Amino acid sequence: MSRLGFVFATTVLLPLAAAAQPAANCAPRETVVARLASAYGETRQSIGLGSNNSVVEVFASVESGTWTITVTTAAGLTCLVASGQSFEALAEALPTKENDA
């Protein structure tokens, strides 16, 4: 997925998905963050503001490569929206205007 596609997905689509998540995938933020740290060794790797003042965060373990994307509502309820393996941190440069795709 391109970086632009990832940004779109995390700022527009994921907050919508979080609103549709059943309560079993949601808990107070402190509970979710503590569980990701204790059970998976995941820490916050990135953060952004989504629609409806929701906060989108990516947690990951650089040791195991597991990752989790969460969305937190303005009320403090955090929902798990995606998770997986093989996390890699990237800092890619923008393409030059001559090579813009």
C-alpha atoms as a PDB file:
ATOM      1  CA  MET A   1       0.000   0.000   0.000  1.00  0.00           C
ATOM      2  CA  SER A   2       1.392   3.406  -0.869  1.00  0.00           C
ATOM      3  CA  ARG A   3       2.062   5.900   1.887  1.00  0.00           C
ATOM      4  CA  LEU A   4      -0.776   8.095   0.601  1.00  0.00           C
ATOM      5  CA  GLY A   5      -3.106   5.103   0.678  1.00  0.00           C
ATOM      6  CA  PHE A   6      -2.016   4.277   4.229  1.00  0.00           C
ATOM      7  CA  VAL A   7      -2.596   7.855   5.353  1.00  0.00           C
ATOM      8  CA  PHE A   8      -6.050   7.827   3.750  1.00  0.00           C
ATOM      9  CA  ALA A   9      -6.912   4.498   5.356  1.00  0.00           C
ATOM     10  CA  THR A  10      -5.757   5.536   8.809  1.00  0.00           C
ATOM     11  CA  THR A  11      -7.367   8.975   8.806  1.00  0.00           C
ATOM     12  CA  VAL A  12     -10.605   8.330   6.932  1.00  0.00           C
ATOM     13  CA  LEU A  13     -11.474   4.642   6.799  1.00  0.00           C
ATOM     14  CA  LEU A  14     -10.250   3.300  10.136  1.00  0.00           C
ATOM     15  CA  PRO A  15     -12.240   5.704  12.315  1.00  0.00           C
ATOM     16  CA  LEU A  16     -15.342   4.618  10.413  1.00  0.00           C
ATOM     17  CA  ALA A  17     -14.424   0.976  10.967  1.00  0.00           C
ATOM     18  CA  ALA A  18     -13.899   1.610  14.675  1.00  0.00           C
ATOM     19  CA  ALA A  19     -17.399   3.004  15.001  1.00  0.00           C
ATOM     20  CA  ALA A  20     -18.749  -0.278  13.626  1.00  0.00           C
ATOM     21  CA  GLN A  21     -16.632  -2.509  15.884  1.00  0.00           C
ATOM     22  CA  PRO A  22     -18.446  -4.599  18.466  1.00  0.00           C
ATOM     23  CA  ALA A  23     -17.821  -3.672  22.106  1.00  0.00           C
ATOM     24  CA  ALA A  24     -15.631  -6.799  22.536  1.00  0.00           C
ATOM     25  CA  ASN A  25     -12.877  -5.062  20.514  1.00  0.00           C
ATOM     26  CA  CYS A  26     -13.050  -1.862  22.581  1.00  0.00           C
ATOM     27  CA  ALA A  27     -12.039  -0.847  26.105  1.00  0.00           C
ATOM     28  CA  PRO A  28     -10.793   2.220  27.971  1.00  0.00           C
ATOM     29  CA  ARG A  29      -7.537   3.451  26.405  1.00  0.00           C
ATOM     30  CA  GLU A  30      -5.436   2.758  29.507  1.00  0.00           C
ATOM     31  CA  THR A  31      -6.573  -0.879  29.485  1.00  0.00           C
ATOM     32  CA  VAL A  32      -5.794  -1.383  25.799  1.00  0.00           C
ATOM     33  CA  VAL A  33      -2.344   0.277  25.977  1.00  0.00           C
ATOM     34  CA  ALA A  34      -1.404  -1.765  29.067  1.00  0.00           C
ATOM     35  CA  ARG A  35      -2.544  -5.008  27.393  1.00  0.00           C
ATOM     36  CA  LEU A  36      -0.605  -4.310  24.186  1.00  0.00           C
ATOM     37  CA  ALA A  37       2.524  -3.615  26.240  1.00  0.00           C
ATOM     38  CA  SER A  38       2.261  -6.561  28.626  1.00  0.00           C
ATOM     39  CA  ALA A  39       1.002  -9.250  26.234  1.00  0.00           C
ATOM     40  CA  TYR A  40       2.796  -8.251  23.028  1.00  0.00           C
ATOM     41  CA  GLY A  41       5.582  -5.843  23.985  1.00  0.00           C
ATOM     42  CA  GLU A  42       4.047  -3.207  21.714  1.00  0.00           C
ATOM     43  CA  THR A  43       4.620   0.522  22.164  1.00  0.00           C
ATOM     44  CA  ARG A  44       3.220   3.474  20.258  1.00  0.00           C
ATOM     45  CA  GLN A  45       5.055   4.034  16.970  1.00  0.00           C
ATOM     46  CA  SER A  46       2.876   6.705  15.352  1.00  0.00           C
ATOM     47  CA  ILE A  47      -0.186   8.818  16.026  1.00  0.00           C
ATOM     48  CA  GLY A  48      -2.598  10.939  13.984  1.00  0.00           C
ATOM     49  CA  LEU A  49      -5.926  12.704  14.212  1.00  0.00           C
ATOM     50  CA  GLY A  50      -8.818  11.048  12.407  1.00  0.00           C
ATOM     51  CA  SER A  51     -12.385  12.060  11.717  1.00  0.00           C
ATOM     52  CA  ASN A  52     -14.713  13.069  14.557  1.00  0.00           C
ATOM     53  CA  ASN A  53     -11.683  13.971  16.712  1.00  0.00           C
ATOM     54  CA  SER A  54     -10.655  10.331  16.948  1.00  0.00           C
ATOM     55  CA  VAL A  55      -7.007   9.456  17.525  1.00  0.00           C
ATOM     56  CA  VAL A  56      -5.449   6.793  15.300  1.00  0.00           C
ATOM     57  CA  GLU A  57      -2.363   5.067  16.723  1.00  0.00           C
ATOM     58  CA  VAL A  58      -0.017   2.346  15.543  1.00  0.00           C
ATOM     59  CA  PHE A  59       1.550   0.195  18.249  1.00  0.00           C
ATOM     60  CA  ALA A  60       4.314  -2.276  17.424  1.00  0.00           C
ATOM     61  CA  SER A  61       7.050  -4.420  18.895  1.00  0.00           C
ATOM     62  CA  VAL A  62      10.394  -3.909  17.186  1.00  0.00           C
ATOM     63  CA  GLU A  63      11.537  -7.215  18.718  1.00  0.00           C
ATOM     64  CA  SER A  64       8.720  -9.513  17.569  1.00  0.00           C
ATOM     65  CA  GLY A  65       7.375  -7.457  14.652  1.00  0.00           C
ATOM     66  CA  THR A  66       3.752  -7.584  15.822  1.00  0.00           C
ATOM     67  CA  TRP A  67       1.647  -4.451  15.273  1.00  0.00           C
ATOM     68  CA  THR A  68      -1.795  -3.142  16.165  1.00  0.00           C
ATOM     69  CA  ILE A  69      -3.774  -0.162  14.882  1.00  0.00           C
ATOM     70  CA  THR A  70      -6.190   1.442  17.335  1.00  0.00           C
ATOM     71  CA  VAL A  71      -8.736   4.245  17.151  1.00  0.00           C
ATOM     72  CA  THR A  72      -9.642   6.164  20.291  1.00  0.00           C
ATOM     73  CA  THR A  73     -12.847   8.185  20.436  1.00  0.00           C
ATOM     74  CA  ALA A  74     -13.117  11.592  22.080  1.00  0.00           C
ATOM     75  CA  ALA A  75     -14.797   9.788  25.002  1.00  0.00           C
ATOM     76  CA  GLY A  76     -11.645   7.717  25.615  1.00  0.00           C
ATOM     77  CA  LEU A  77     -12.900   4.381  24.264  1.00  0.00           C
ATOM     78  CA  THR A  78     -10.171   2.604  22.264  1.00  0.00           C
ATOM     79  CA  CYS A  79     -11.012   0.039  19.593  1.00  0.00           C
ATOM     80  CA  LEU A  80      -8.684  -2.440  17.907  1.00  0.00           C
ATOM     81  CA  VAL A  81      -9.138  -2.146  14.151  1.00  0.00           C
ATOM     82  CA  ALA A  82      -6.225  -4.137  12.690  1.00  0.00           C
ATOM     83  CA  SER A  83      -3.227  -6.190  13.748  1.00  0.00           C
ATOM     84  CA  GLY A  84      -0.518  -8.238  12.135  1.00  0.00           C
ATOM     85  CA  GLN A  85       3.137  -9.203  11.918  1.00  0.00           C
ATOM     86  CA  SER A  86       6.367  -8.093  10.245  1.00  0.00           C
ATOM     87  CA  PHE A  87       6.252  -4.436  11.313  1.00  0.00           C
ATOM     88  CA  GLU A  88       8.950  -2.222   9.801  1.00  0.00           C
ATOM     89  CA  ALA A  89       9.419   1.482  10.489  1.00  0.00           C
ATOM     90  CA  LEU A  90       9.939   3.481   7.299  1.00  0.00           C
ATOM     91  CA  ALA A  91      10.821   7.089   6.551  1.00  0.00           C
ATOM     92  CA  GLU A  92      10.498   7.367   2.798  1.00  0.00           C
ATOM     93  CA  ALA A  93      11.237  10.588   0.964  1.00  0.00           C
ATOM     94  CA  LEU A  94       8.605  12.183  -1.230  1.00  0.00           C
ATOM     95  CA  PRO A  95       9.122  11.602  -4.951  1.00  0.00           C
ATOM     96  CA  THR A  96      10.503  14.512  -6.943  1.00  0.00           C
ATOM     97  CA  LYS A  97       8.011  16.360  -9.146  1.00  0.00           C
ATOM     98  CA  GLU A  98       9.702  14.939 -12.242  1.00  0.00           C
ATOM     99  CA  ASN A  99       9.091  11.378 -10.961  1.00  0.00           C
ATOM    100  CA  ASP A 100       5.673  11.891  -9.415  1.00  0.00           C
ATOM    101  CA  ALA A 101       3.455   8.893 -10.086  1.00  0.00           C
END
